[in-house]
Amino acid sequence: SLQWDLGETHGTVALRMPDHPAALALLR
């Protein structure tokens, strides 16, 4: 149901939660 277009993903998504304080502050 997600309305996004990341490219030719073939219905998959690669996910990661980085262990970096500035990156997490931004992502939140």
PDB file of all heavy atoms in Angstrom:
ATOM      1  N   SER A   1       0.806  -1.226   0.000  1.00  0.00           N
ATOM      2  CA  SER A   1       0.000   0.000   0.000  1.00  0.00           C
ATOM      3  C   SER A   1       0.836   1.271   0.000  1.00  0.00           C
ATOM      4  O   SER A   1       0.296   2.374  -0.162  1.00  0.00           O
ATOM      5  CB  SER A   1      -0.923   0.003   1.228  1.00  0.00           C
ATOM      6  OG  SER A   1      -0.161  -0.018   2.423  1.00  0.00           O
ATOM      7  N   LEU A   2       2.164   1.155   0.168  1.00  0.00           N
ATOM      8  CA  LEU A   2       2.996   2.341   0.293  1.00  0.00           C
ATOM      9  C   LEU A   2       3.084   3.105  -1.018  1.00  0.00           C
ATOM     10  O   LEU A   2       3.300   2.525  -2.078  1.00  0.00           O
ATOM     11  CB  LEU A   2       4.401   1.950   0.752  1.00  0.00           C
ATOM     12  CG  LEU A   2       4.522   1.428   2.175  1.00  0.00           C
ATOM     13  CD1 LEU A   2       5.935   0.954   2.448  1.00  0.00           C
ATOM     14  CD2 LEU A   2       4.126   2.494   3.178  1.00  0.00           C
ATOM     15  N   GLN A   3       2.933   4.422  -0.927  1.00  0.00           N
ATOM     16  CA  GLN A   3       3.008   5.288  -2.097  1.00  0.00           C
ATOM     17  C   GLN A   3       4.444   5.812  -2.231  1.00  0.00           C
ATOM     18  O   GLN A   3       4.747   6.935  -1.858  1.00  0.00           O
ATOM     19  CB  GLN A   3       2.011   6.442  -1.957  1.00  0.00           C
ATOM     20  CG  GLN A   3       0.569   6.003  -1.856  1.00  0.00           C
ATOM     21  CD  GLN A   3       0.107   5.239  -3.096  1.00  0.00           C
ATOM     22  OE1 GLN A   3       0.259   5.713  -4.220  1.00  0.00           O
ATOM     23  NE2 GLN A   3      -0.459   4.054  -2.891  1.00  0.00           N
ATOM     24  N   TRP A   4       5.319   4.971  -2.728  1.00  0.00           N
ATOM     25  CA  TRP A   4       6.689   5.397  -2.955  1.00  0.00           C
ATOM     26  C   TRP A   4       7.220   4.732  -4.205  1.00  0.00           C
ATOM     27  O   TRP A   4       6.631   3.797  -4.741  1.00  0.00           O
ATOM     28  CB  TRP A   4       7.578   5.139  -1.766  1.00  0.00           C
ATOM     29  CG  TRP A   4       7.770   3.697  -1.338  1.00  0.00           C
ATOM     30  CD1 TRP A   4       7.349   2.563  -1.986  1.00  0.00           C
ATOM     31  CD2 TRP A   4       8.463   3.248  -0.170  1.00  0.00           C
ATOM     32  NE1 TRP A   4       7.719   1.451  -1.284  1.00  0.00           N
ATOM     33  CE2 TRP A   4       8.412   1.834  -0.173  1.00  0.00           C
ATOM     34  CE3 TRP A   4       9.128   3.878   0.860  1.00  0.00           C
ATOM     35  CZ2 TRP A   4       8.985   1.058   0.821  1.00  0.00           C
ATOM     36  CZ3 TRP A   4       9.706   3.114   1.847  1.00  0.00           C
ATOM     37  CH2 TRP A   4       9.623   1.715   1.833  1.00  0.00           C
ATOM     38  N   ASP A   5       8.347   5.243  -4.713  1.00  0.00           N
ATOM     39  CA  ASP A   5       8.994   4.691  -5.894  1.00  0.00           C
ATOM     40  C   ASP A   5      10.496   4.801  -5.680  1.00  0.00           C
ATOM     41  O   ASP A   5      11.108   5.829  -5.960  1.00  0.00           O
ATOM     42  CB  ASP A   5       8.568   5.454  -7.156  1.00  0.00           C
ATOM     43  CG  ASP A   5       9.191   4.857  -8.416  1.00  0.00           C
ATOM     44  OD1 ASP A   5       9.892   3.835  -8.303  1.00  0.00           O
ATOM     45  OD2 ASP A   5       8.976   5.429  -9.506  1.00  0.00           O
ATOM     46  N   LEU A   6      11.064   3.714  -5.188  1.00  0.00           N
ATOM     47  CA  LEU A   6      12.502   3.690  -4.901  1.00  0.00           C
ATOM     48  C   LEU A   6      13.315   3.193  -6.086  1.00  0.00           C
ATOM     49  O   LEU A   6      14.544   3.215  -6.041  1.00  0.00           O
ATOM     50  CB  LEU A   6      12.774   2.794  -3.696  1.00  0.00           C
ATOM     51  CG  LEU A   6      12.134   3.219  -2.372  1.00  0.00           C
ATOM     52  CD1 LEU A   6      12.313   2.123  -1.320  1.00  0.00           C
ATOM     53  CD2 LEU A   6      12.713   4.534  -1.881  1.00  0.00           C
ATOM     54  N   GLY A   7      12.638   2.759  -7.137  1.00  0.00           N
ATOM     55  CA  GLY A   7      13.304   2.155  -8.281  1.00  0.00           C
ATOM     56  C   GLY A   7      12.763   0.753  -8.497  1.00  0.00           C
ATOM     57  O   GLY A   7      11.655   0.416  -8.069  1.00  0.00           O
ATOM     58  N   GLU A   8      13.549  -0.073  -9.177  1.00  0.00           N
ATOM     59  CA  GLU A   8      13.108  -1.427  -9.514  1.00  0.00           C
ATOM     60  C   GLU A   8      13.378  -2.366  -8.335  1.00  0.00           C
ATOM     61  O   GLU A   8      14.356  -3.111  -8.304  1.00  0.00           O
ATOM     62  CB  GLU A   8      13.821  -1.893 -10.779  1.00  0.00           C
ATOM     63  CG  GLU A   8      13.464  -1.035 -11.998  1.00  0.00           C
ATOM     64  CD  GLU A   8      14.268  -1.388 -13.221  1.00  0.00           C
ATOM     65  OE1 GLU A   8      14.984  -2.414 -13.196  1.00  0.00           O
ATOM     66  OE2 GLU A   8      14.197  -0.632 -14.203  1.00  0.00           O
ATOM     67  N   THR A   9      12.484  -2.317  -7.358  1.00  0.00           N
ATOM     68  CA  THR A   9      12.670  -3.079  -6.121  1.00  0.00           C
ATOM     69  C   THR A   9      12.080  -4.472  -6.184  1.00  0.00           C
ATOM     70  O   THR A   9      12.335  -5.284  -5.289  1.00  0.00           O
ATOM     71  CB  THR A   9      12.003  -2.345  -4.946  1.00  0.00           C
ATOM     72  OG1 THR A   9      10.581  -2.307  -5.170  1.00  0.00           O
ATOM     73  CG2 THR A   9      12.536  -0.915  -4.813  1.00  0.00           C
ATOM     74  N   HIS A  10      11.254  -4.760  -7.193  1.00  0.00           N
ATOM     75  CA  HIS A  10      10.585  -6.060  -7.301  1.00  0.00           C
ATOM     76  C   HIS A  10       9.780  -6.376  -6.041  1.00  0.00           C
ATOM     77  O   HIS A  10       9.720  -7.524  -5.603  1.00  0.00           O
ATOM     78  CB  HIS A  10      11.592  -7.175  -7.592  1.00  0.00           C
ATOM     79  CG  HIS A  10      12.462  -6.899  -8.779  1.00  0.00           C
ATOM     80  ND1 HIS A  10      11.987  -6.918 -10.082  1.00  0.00           N
ATOM     81  CD2 HIS A  10      13.780  -6.548  -8.863  1.00  0.00           C
ATOM     82  CE1 HIS A  10      12.976  -6.610 -10.913  1.00  0.00           C
ATOM     83  NE2 HIS A  10      14.065  -6.372 -10.201  1.00  0.00           N
ATOM     84  N   GLY A  11       9.208  -5.335  -5.455  1.00  0.00           N
ATOM     85  CA  GLY A  11       8.338  -5.523  -4.296  1.00  0.00           C
ATOM     86  C   GLY A  11       9.059  -5.700  -2.985  1.00  0.00           C
ATOM     87  O   GLY A  11       8.441  -6.084  -1.987  1.00  0.00           O
ATOM     88  N   THR A  12      10.362  -5.412  -2.945  1.00  0.00           N
ATOM     89  CA  THR A  12      11.118  -5.564  -1.709  1.00  0.00           C
ATOM     90  C   THR A  12      11.614  -4.207  -1.230  1.00  0.00           C
ATOM     91  O   THR A  12      11.560  -3.212  -1.954  1.00  0.00           O
ATOM     92  CB  THR A  12      12.325  -6.503  -1.901  1.00  0.00           C
ATOM     93  OG1 THR A  12      13.283  -5.878  -2.782  1.00  0.00           O
ATOM     94  CG2 THR A  12      11.894  -7.834  -2.486  1.00  0.00           C
ATOM     95  N   VAL A  13      12.109  -4.173  -0.001  1.00  0.00           N
ATOM     96  CA  VAL A  13      12.736  -2.973   0.535  1.00  0.00           C
ATOM     97  C   VAL A  13      13.847  -3.402   1.483  1.00  0.00           C
ATOM     98  O   VAL A  13      13.710  -4.386   2.216  1.00  0.00           O
ATOM     99  CB  VAL A  13      11.710  -2.076   1.255  1.00  0.00           C
ATOM    100  CG1 VAL A  13      11.088  -2.796   2.458  1.00  0.00           C
ATOM    101  CG2 VAL A  13      12.333  -0.751   1.681  1.00  0.00           C
ATOM    102  N   ALA A  14      14.975  -2.698   1.427  1.00  0.00           N
ATOM    103  CA  ALA A  14      16.093  -2.946   2.330  1.00  0.00           C
ATOM    104  C   ALA A  14      16.048  -1.913   3.445  1.00  0.00           C
ATOM    105  O   ALA A  14      16.068  -0.710   3.179  1.00  0.00           O
ATOM    106  CB  ALA A  14      17.417  -2.862   1.570  1.00  0.00           C
ATOM    107  N   LEU A  15      15.980  -2.363   4.691  1.00  0.00           N
ATOM    108  CA  LEU A  15      15.786  -1.476   5.834  1.00  0.00           C
ATOM    109  C   LEU A  15      16.950  -1.583   6.809  1.00  0.00           C
ATOM    110  O   LEU A  15      17.501  -2.667   7.035  1.00  0.00           O
ATOM    111  CB  LEU A  15      14.492  -1.832   6.570  1.00  0.00           C
ATOM    112  CG  LEU A  15      13.193  -1.737   5.767  1.00  0.00           C
ATOM    113  CD1 LEU A  15      12.026  -2.262   6.605  1.00  0.00           C
ATOM    114  CD2 LEU A  15      12.937  -0.298   5.339  1.00  0.00           C
ATOM    115  N   ARG A  16      17.298  -0.432   7.399  1.00  0.00           N
ATOM    116  CA  ARG A  16      18.343  -0.414   8.420  1.00  0.00           C
ATOM    117  C   ARG A  16      18.085   0.731   9.398  1.00  0.00           C
ATOM    118  O   ARG A  16      17.577   1.782   9.010  1.00  0.00           O
ATOM    119  CB  ARG A  16      19.738  -0.244   7.801  1.00  0.00           C
ATOM    120  CG  ARG A  16      20.863  -0.350   8.841  1.00  0.00           C
ATOM    121  CD  ARG A  16      22.216  -0.483   8.181  1.00  0.00           C
ATOM    122  NE  ARG A  16      22.870   0.796   7.937  1.00  0.00           N
ATOM    123  CZ  ARG A  16      23.646   1.426   8.805  1.00  0.00           C
ATOM    124  NH1 ARG A  16      23.820   0.943  10.036  1.00  0.00           N
ATOM    125  NH2 ARG A  16      24.250   2.559   8.479  1.00  0.00           N
ATOM    126  N   MET A  17      18.433   0.513  10.649  1.00  0.00           N
ATOM    127  CA  MET A  17      18.420   1.554  11.668  1.00  0.00           C
ATOM    128  C   MET A  17      19.871   1.826  12.050  1.00  0.00           C
ATOM    129  O   MET A  17      20.534   0.976  12.648  1.00  0.00           O
ATOM    130  CB  MET A  17      17.627   1.106  12.895  1.00  0.00           C
ATOM    131  CG  MET A  17      17.567   2.142  14.002  1.00  0.00           C
ATOM    132  SD  MET A  17      16.677   1.498  15.445  1.00  0.00           S
ATOM    133  CE  MET A  17      16.896   2.858  16.603  1.00  0.00           C
ATOM    134  N   PRO A  18      20.401   3.006  11.680  1.00  0.00           N
ATOM    135  CA  PRO A  18      21.816   3.277  11.934  1.00  0.00           C
ATOM    136  C   PRO A  18      22.090   3.571  13.409  1.00  0.00           C
ATOM    137  O   PRO A  18      21.251   4.125  14.107  1.00  0.00           O
ATOM    138  CB  PRO A  18      22.087   4.512  11.077  1.00  0.00           C
ATOM    139  CG  PRO A  18      20.763   5.224  11.033  1.00  0.00           C
ATOM    140  CD  PRO A  18      19.726   4.134  11.006  1.00  0.00           C
ATOM    141  N   ASP A  19      23.283   3.228  13.846  1.00  0.00           N
ATOM    142  CA  ASP A  19      23.687   3.486  15.232  1.00  0.00           C
ATOM    143  C   ASP A  19      24.544   4.751  15.256  1.00  0.00           C
ATOM    144  O   ASP A  19      25.754   4.708  15.501  1.00  0.00           O
ATOM    145  CB  ASP A  19      24.460   2.284  15.774  1.00  0.00           C
ATOM    146  CG  ASP A  19      24.696   2.387  17.267  1.00  0.00           C
ATOM    147  OD1 ASP A  19      24.088   3.270  17.909  1.00  0.00           O
ATOM    148  OD2 ASP A  19      25.495   1.590  17.797  1.00  0.00           O
ATOM    149  N   HIS A  20      23.902   5.887  14.958  1.00  0.00           N
ATOM    150  CA  HIS A  20      24.606   7.165  14.939  1.00  0.00           C
ATOM    151  C   HIS A  20      23.675   8.233  15.490  1.00  0.00           C
ATOM    152  O   HIS A  20      22.554   8.399  14.990  1.00  0.00           O
ATOM    153  CB  HIS A  20      25.048   7.531  13.530  1.00  0.00           C
ATOM    154  CG  HIS A  20      26.009   8.673  13.492  1.00  0.00           C
ATOM    155  ND1 HIS A  20      25.611   9.980  13.705  1.00  0.00           N
ATOM    156  CD2 HIS A  20      27.357   8.707  13.290  1.00  0.00           C
ATOM    157  CE1 HIS A  20      26.676  10.763  13.617  1.00  0.00           C
ATOM    158  NE2 HIS A  20      27.737  10.027  13.378  1.00  0.00           N
ATOM    159  N   PRO A  21      24.072   8.967  16.511  1.00  0.00           N
ATOM    160  CA  PRO A  21      23.132   9.887  17.174  1.00  0.00           C
ATOM    161  C   PRO A  21      22.587  10.979  16.270  1.00  0.00           C
ATOM    162  O   PRO A  21      21.393  11.292  16.337  1.00  0.00           O
ATOM    163  CB  PRO A  21      23.963  10.464  18.329  1.00  0.00           C
ATOM    164  CG  PRO A  21      25.390  10.220  17.953  1.00  0.00           C
ATOM    165  CD  PRO A  21      25.394   8.957  17.167  1.00  0.00           C
ATOM    166  N   ALA A  22      23.419  11.563  15.428  1.00  0.00           N
ATOM    167  CA  ALA A  22      22.927  12.635  14.544  1.00  0.00           C
ATOM    168  C   ALA A  22      21.977  12.078  13.496  1.00  0.00           C
ATOM    169  O   ALA A  22      20.941  12.692  13.190  1.00  0.00           O
ATOM    170  CB  ALA A  22      24.100  13.353  13.876  1.00  0.00           C
ATOM    171  N   ALA A  23      22.307  10.912  12.938  1.00  0.00           N
ATOM    172  CA  ALA A  23      21.419  10.299  11.951  1.00  0.00           C
ATOM    173  C   ALA A  23      20.063   9.969  12.571  1.00  0.00           C
ATOM    174  O   ALA A  23      19.012  10.215  11.967  1.00  0.00           O
ATOM    175  CB  ALA A  23      22.066   9.035  11.378  1.00  0.00           C
ATOM    176  N   LEU A  24      20.069   9.439  13.783  1.00  0.00           N
ATOM    177  CA  LEU A  24      18.812   9.089  14.439  1.00  0.00           C
ATOM    178  C   LEU A  24      18.013  10.339  14.807  1.00  0.00           C
ATOM    179  O   LEU A  24      16.781  10.349  14.689  1.00  0.00           O
ATOM    180  CB  LEU A  24      19.082   8.240  15.683  1.00  0.00           C
ATOM    181  CG  LEU A  24      19.579   6.823  15.394  1.00  0.00           C
ATOM    182  CD1 LEU A  24      19.996   6.127  16.691  1.00  0.00           C
ATOM    183  CD2 LEU A  24      18.505   6.009  14.673  1.00  0.00           C
ATOM    184  N   ALA A  25      18.695  11.398  15.235  1.00  0.00           N
ATOM    185  CA  ALA A  25      17.993  12.646  15.540  1.00  0.00           C
ATOM    186  C   ALA A  25      17.288  13.178  14.309  1.00  0.00           C
ATOM    187  O   ALA A  25      16.148  13.674  14.388  1.00  0.00           O
ATOM    188  CB  ALA A  25      18.991  13.675  16.076  1.00  0.00           C
ATOM    189  N   LEU A  26      17.943  13.084  13.169  1.00  0.00           N
ATOM    190  CA  LEU A  26      17.333  13.519  11.912  1.00  0.00           C
ATOM    191  C   LEU A  26      16.161  12.625  11.530  1.00  0.00           C
ATOM    192  O   LEU A  26      15.068  13.109  11.202  1.00  0.00           O
ATOM    193  CB  LEU A  26      18.391  13.507  10.817  1.00  0.00           C
ATOM    194  CG  LEU A  26      17.910  13.848   9.405  1.00  0.00           C
ATOM    195  CD1 LEU A  26      17.424  15.292   9.326  1.00  0.00           C
ATOM    196  CD2 LEU A  26      19.033  13.595   8.393  1.00  0.00           C
ATOM    197  N   LEU A  27      16.354  11.319  11.570  1.00  0.00           N
ATOM    198  CA  LEU A  27      15.325  10.370  11.161  1.00  0.00           C
ATOM    199  C   LEU A  27      14.072  10.464  12.025  1.00  0.00           C
ATOM    200  O   LEU A  27      12.957  10.257  11.536  1.00  0.00           O
ATOM    201  CB  LEU A  27      15.876   8.941  11.200  1.00  0.00           C
ATOM    202  CG  LEU A  27      16.883   8.590  10.103  1.00  0.00           C
ATOM    203  CD1 LEU A  27      17.693   7.365  10.495  1.00  0.00           C
ATOM    204  CD2 LEU A  27      16.150   8.352   8.784  1.00  0.00           C
ATOM    205  N   ARG A  28      14.248  10.778  13.300  1.00  0.00           N
ATOM    206  CA  ARG A  28      13.076  10.904  14.178  1.00  0.00           C
ATOM    207  C   ARG A  28      12.189  12.067  13.740  1.00  0.00           C
ATOM    208  O   ARG A  28      10.990  12.085  14.055  1.00  0.00           O
ATOM    209  CB  ARG A  28      13.523  11.078  15.624  1.00  0.00           C
ATOM    210  CG  ARG A  28      14.144   9.811  16.221  1.00  0.00           C
ATOM    211  CD  ARG A  28      14.468   9.970  17.698  1.00  0.00           C
ATOM    212  NE  ARG A  28      15.227   8.819  18.189  1.00  0.00           N
ATOM    213  CZ  ARG A  28      16.500   8.851  18.543  1.00  0.00           C
ATOM    214  NH1 ARG A  28      17.173   9.999  18.490  1.00  0.00           N
ATOM    215  NH2 ARG A  28      17.114   7.757  18.966  1.00  0.00           N
TER     216      ARG A  28
END
